[in-house]
């Protein structure tokens, strides 16, 4: 099973790298204003509380955000000159390499918190319930 998931994770890593490269390219001098405007509009839509489908609708609310992100970041690199995009990709991979070690610690800490906090809460509730039952 792990073998089948590896290509998908690799695609997600490449997508993350390309998203960061597009963001970095938007702050580069040779990027046309149309690409900058498209990236800005995409980020504004993601941050905005106004959606095509509200996030309160389970699954569909998040699916429209994901589809807009995917469509934008598949099309915005076509608006950016190849040399600017290549330089931004190199800078993005360097930034991700520097953040990799830090992010691994954050993921481990969050995972431990997600696993430990409910167990501690159950223990506390059990102890309090036992004290109240006396």
C-alpha atoms as a PDB file:
ATOM      1  CA  UNK A   1       0.000   0.000   0.000  1.00  0.00           C
ATOM      2  CA  UNK A   2       2.819   2.401   0.767  1.00  0.00           C
ATOM      3  CA  UNK A   3       4.147   1.915  -2.753  1.00  0.00           C
ATOM      4  CA  UNK A   4       0.894   3.096  -4.316  1.00  0.00           C
ATOM      5  CA  UNK A   5       0.769   6.236  -2.172  1.00  0.00           C
ATOM      6  CA  UNK A   6       4.331   7.368  -2.892  1.00  0.00           C
ATOM      7  CA  UNK A   7       3.587   8.842  -6.373  1.00  0.00           C
ATOM      8  CA  UNK A   8       0.674  10.811  -4.909  1.00  0.00           C
ATOM      9  CA  UNK A   9       2.821  12.234  -2.107  1.00  0.00           C
ATOM     10  CA  UNK A  10       5.489  13.127  -4.649  1.00  0.00           C
ATOM     11  CA  UNK A  11       2.873  14.968  -6.725  1.00  0.00           C
ATOM     12  CA  UNK A  12       1.715  16.843  -3.623  1.00  0.00           C
ATOM     13  CA  UNK A  13       5.303  17.824  -2.799  1.00  0.00           C
ATOM     14  CA  UNK A  14       5.819  19.100  -6.355  1.00  0.00           C
ATOM     15  CA  UNK A  15       2.531  21.010  -6.139  1.00  0.00           C
ATOM     16  CA  UNK A  16       3.633  22.603  -2.840  1.00  0.00           C
ATOM     17  CA  UNK A  17       6.959  23.548  -4.423  1.00  0.00           C
ATOM     18  CA  UNK A  18       5.200  25.055  -7.437  1.00  0.00           C
ATOM     19  CA  UNK A  19       2.792  27.034  -5.247  1.00  0.00           C
ATOM     20  CA  UNK A  20       5.718  28.543  -3.347  1.00  0.00           C
ATOM     21  CA  UNK A  21       7.536  29.215  -6.631  1.00  0.00           C
ATOM     22  CA  UNK A  22       4.496  31.087  -7.990  1.00  0.00           C
ATOM     23  CA  UNK A  23       4.308  33.129  -4.804  1.00  0.00           C
ATOM     24  CA  UNK A  24       8.004  33.994  -5.036  1.00  0.00           C
ATOM     25  CA  UNK A  25       7.666  34.775  -8.747  1.00  0.00           C
ATOM     26  CA  UNK A  26       4.941  37.305  -7.967  1.00  0.00           C
ATOM     27  CA  UNK A  27       7.532  39.328  -6.060  1.00  0.00           C
ATOM     28  CA  UNK A  28      10.072  39.128  -8.893  1.00  0.00           C
ATOM     29  CA  UNK A  29      10.578  42.054 -11.229  1.00  0.00           C
ATOM     30  CA  UNK A  30      10.025  40.190 -14.534  1.00  0.00           C
ATOM     31  CA  UNK A  31       6.574  38.844 -13.666  1.00  0.00           C
ATOM     32  CA  UNK A  32       3.683  40.344 -15.680  1.00  0.00           C
ATOM     33  CA  UNK A  33       0.904  42.115 -13.817  1.00  0.00           C
ATOM     34  CA  UNK A  34      -1.681  39.572 -15.058  1.00  0.00           C
ATOM     35  CA  UNK A  35       0.088  36.753 -13.218  1.00  0.00           C
ATOM     36  CA  UNK A  36       0.402  38.887 -10.096  1.00  0.00           C
ATOM     37  CA  UNK A  37      -3.288  39.816 -10.246  1.00  0.00           C
ATOM     38  CA  UNK A  38      -4.346  36.183 -10.741  1.00  0.00           C
ATOM     39  CA  UNK A  39      -2.236  35.026  -7.778  1.00  0.00           C
ATOM     40  CA  UNK A  40      -3.504  37.871  -5.605  1.00  0.00           C
ATOM     41  CA  UNK A  41      -7.115  37.087  -6.521  1.00  0.00           C
ATOM     42  CA  UNK A  42      -6.575  33.408  -5.680  1.00  0.00           C
ATOM     43  CA  UNK A  43      -5.039  34.175  -2.283  1.00  0.00           C
ATOM     44  CA  UNK A  44      -7.782  36.724  -1.562  1.00  0.00           C
ATOM     45  CA  UNK A  45     -10.464  34.145  -2.367  1.00  0.00           C
ATOM     46  CA  UNK A  46      -8.836  31.567  -0.099  1.00  0.00           C
ATOM     47  CA  UNK A  47      -8.571  34.010   2.811  1.00  0.00           C
ATOM     48  CA  UNK A  48     -11.958  35.643   2.248  1.00  0.00           C
ATOM     49  CA  UNK A  49     -14.922  34.438   4.302  1.00  0.00           C
ATOM     50  CA  UNK A  50     -17.110  34.816   1.188  1.00  0.00           C
ATOM     51  CA  UNK A  51     -17.119  31.584  -0.842  1.00  0.00           C
ATOM     52  CA  UNK A  52     -18.979  30.144  -3.792  1.00  0.00           C
ATOM     53  CA  UNK A  53     -20.018  27.314  -1.494  1.00  0.00           C
ATOM     54  CA  UNK A  54     -19.902  28.048   2.256  1.00  0.00           C
ATOM     55  CA  UNK A  55     -17.389  26.018   4.247  1.00  0.00           C
ATOM     56  CA  UNK A  56     -20.233  25.011   6.582  1.00  0.00           C
ATOM     57  CA  UNK A  57     -21.443  22.574   3.900  1.00  0.00           C
ATOM     58  CA  UNK A  58     -19.445  19.435   4.674  1.00  0.00           C
ATOM     59  CA  UNK A  59     -16.930  18.433   2.013  1.00  0.00           C
ATOM     60  CA  UNK A  60     -18.375  20.663  -0.737  1.00  0.00           C
ATOM     61  CA  UNK A  61     -17.307  23.850   1.044  1.00  0.00           C
ATOM     62  CA  UNK A  62     -13.693  22.742   1.137  1.00  0.00           C
ATOM     63  CA  UNK A  63     -13.837  21.161  -2.310  1.00  0.00           C
ATOM     64  CA  UNK A  64     -14.550  24.466  -4.061  1.00  0.00           C
ATOM     65  CA  UNK A  65     -11.547  26.057  -2.313  1.00  0.00           C
ATOM     66  CA  UNK A  66      -9.301  23.166  -3.356  1.00  0.00           C
ATOM     67  CA  UNK A  67     -10.524  23.250  -6.937  1.00  0.00           C
ATOM     68  CA  UNK A  68      -9.879  26.990  -7.244  1.00  0.00           C
ATOM     69  CA  UNK A  69      -6.392  26.573  -5.757  1.00  0.00           C
ATOM     70  CA  UNK A  70      -5.607  23.723  -8.158  1.00  0.00           C
ATOM     71  CA  UNK A  71      -6.948  25.534 -11.229  1.00  0.00           C
ATOM     72  CA  UNK A  72      -5.145  28.746 -10.361  1.00  0.00           C
ATOM     73  CA  UNK A  73      -1.782  27.174  -9.639  1.00  0.00           C
ATOM     74  CA  UNK A  74      -1.945  24.997 -12.719  1.00  0.00           C
ATOM     75  CA  UNK A  75      -2.631  28.030 -14.936  1.00  0.00           C
ATOM     76  CA  UNK A  76      -0.724  30.918 -13.295  1.00  0.00           C
ATOM     77  CA  UNK A  77       2.744  29.466 -14.109  1.00  0.00           C
ATOM     78  CA  UNK A  78       1.812  29.706 -17.804  1.00  0.00           C
ATOM     79  CA  UNK A  79       1.544  33.482 -17.403  1.00  0.00           C
ATOM     80  CA  UNK A  80       5.035  33.790 -15.881  1.00  0.00           C
ATOM     81  CA  UNK A  81       8.130  33.825 -18.130  1.00  0.00           C
ATOM     82  CA  UNK A  82      10.123  30.574 -18.033  1.00  0.00           C
ATOM     83  CA  UNK A  83      13.340  32.158 -16.715  1.00  0.00           C
ATOM     84  CA  UNK A  84      11.499  33.879 -13.854  1.00  0.00           C
ATOM     85  CA  UNK A  85       9.643  30.666 -13.003  1.00  0.00           C
ATOM     86  CA  UNK A  86      12.863  28.636 -13.077  1.00  0.00           C
ATOM     87  CA  UNK A  87      14.641  31.044 -10.739  1.00  0.00           C
ATOM     88  CA  UNK A  88      11.638  31.092  -8.415  1.00  0.00           C
ATOM     89  CA  UNK A  89      11.528  27.285  -8.390  1.00  0.00           C
ATOM     90  CA  UNK A  90      15.169  27.150  -7.328  1.00  0.00           C
ATOM     91  CA  UNK A  91      14.545  29.683  -4.545  1.00  0.00           C
ATOM     92  CA  UNK A  92      11.415  27.774  -3.467  1.00  0.00           C
ATOM     93  CA  UNK A  93      13.259  24.460  -3.192  1.00  0.00           C
ATOM     94  CA  UNK A  94      15.976  26.145  -1.114  1.00  0.00           C
ATOM     95  CA  UNK A  95      13.370  27.666   1.211  1.00  0.00           C
ATOM     96  CA  UNK A  96      11.540  24.343   1.601  1.00  0.00           C
ATOM     97  CA  UNK A  97      14.822  22.574   2.350  1.00  0.00           C
ATOM     98  CA  UNK A  98      15.536  25.093   5.129  1.00  0.00           C
ATOM     99  CA  UNK A  99      12.023  24.759   6.544  1.00  0.00           C
ATOM    100  CA  UNK A 100      11.981  20.959   6.333  1.00  0.00           C
ATOM    101  CA  UNK A 101      13.709  20.273   9.650  1.00  0.00           C
ATOM    102  CA  UNK A 102      11.671  22.888  11.493  1.00  0.00           C
ATOM    103  CA  UNK A 103       8.366  21.664  10.056  1.00  0.00           C
ATOM    104  CA  UNK A 104       9.147  18.061  11.041  1.00  0.00           C
ATOM    105  CA  UNK A 105       9.422  19.152  14.695  1.00  0.00           C
ATOM    106  CA  UNK A 106       6.111  21.025  14.446  1.00  0.00           C
ATOM    107  CA  UNK A 107       4.376  17.974  12.946  1.00  0.00           C
ATOM    108  CA  UNK A 108       5.723  15.704  15.694  1.00  0.00           C
ATOM    109  CA  UNK A 109       4.629  18.136  18.403  1.00  0.00           C
ATOM    110  CA  UNK A 110       1.141  18.513  16.936  1.00  0.00           C
ATOM    111  CA  UNK A 111       0.778  14.756  16.540  1.00  0.00           C
ATOM    112  CA  UNK A 112       1.816  14.193  20.140  1.00  0.00           C
ATOM    113  CA  UNK A 113      -0.604  16.873  21.336  1.00  0.00           C
ATOM    114  CA  UNK A 114      -3.473  15.399  19.316  1.00  0.00           C
ATOM    115  CA  UNK A 115      -2.778  11.951  20.748  1.00  0.00           C
ATOM    116  CA  UNK A 116      -1.955  12.923  24.349  1.00  0.00           C
ATOM    117  CA  UNK A 117      -4.536  15.635  25.107  1.00  0.00           C
ATOM    118  CA  UNK A 118      -7.639  13.412  24.664  1.00  0.00           C
ATOM    119  CA  UNK A 119      -6.064  10.686  26.810  1.00  0.00           C
ATOM    120  CA  UNK A 120      -5.221  13.183  29.558  1.00  0.00           C
ATOM    121  CA  UNK A 121      -8.716  14.659  29.343  1.00  0.00           C
ATOM    122  CA  UNK A 122     -10.240  11.188  29.729  1.00  0.00           C
ATOM    123  CA  UNK A 123      -8.053  10.496  32.769  1.00  0.00           C
ATOM    124  CA  UNK A 124      -9.023  13.814  34.366  1.00  0.00           C
ATOM    125  CA  UNK A 125     -12.724  13.211  33.689  1.00  0.00           C
ATOM    126  CA  UNK A 126     -12.403   9.704  35.141  1.00  0.00           C
ATOM    127  CA  UNK A 127     -10.684  10.946  38.295  1.00  0.00           C
ATOM    128  CA  UNK A 128     -13.212  13.757  38.769  1.00  0.00           C
ATOM    129  CA  UNK A 129     -16.108  11.344  38.220  1.00  0.00           C
ATOM    130  CA  UNK A 130     -14.618   8.894  40.729  1.00  0.00           C
ATOM    131  CA  UNK A 131     -14.227  11.671  43.321  1.00  0.00           C
ATOM    132  CA  UNK A 132     -17.786  12.863  42.788  1.00  0.00           C
ATOM    133  CA  UNK A 133     -19.206   9.349  43.111  1.00  0.00           C
ATOM    134  CA  UNK A 134     -17.862   8.957  46.665  1.00  0.00           C
END
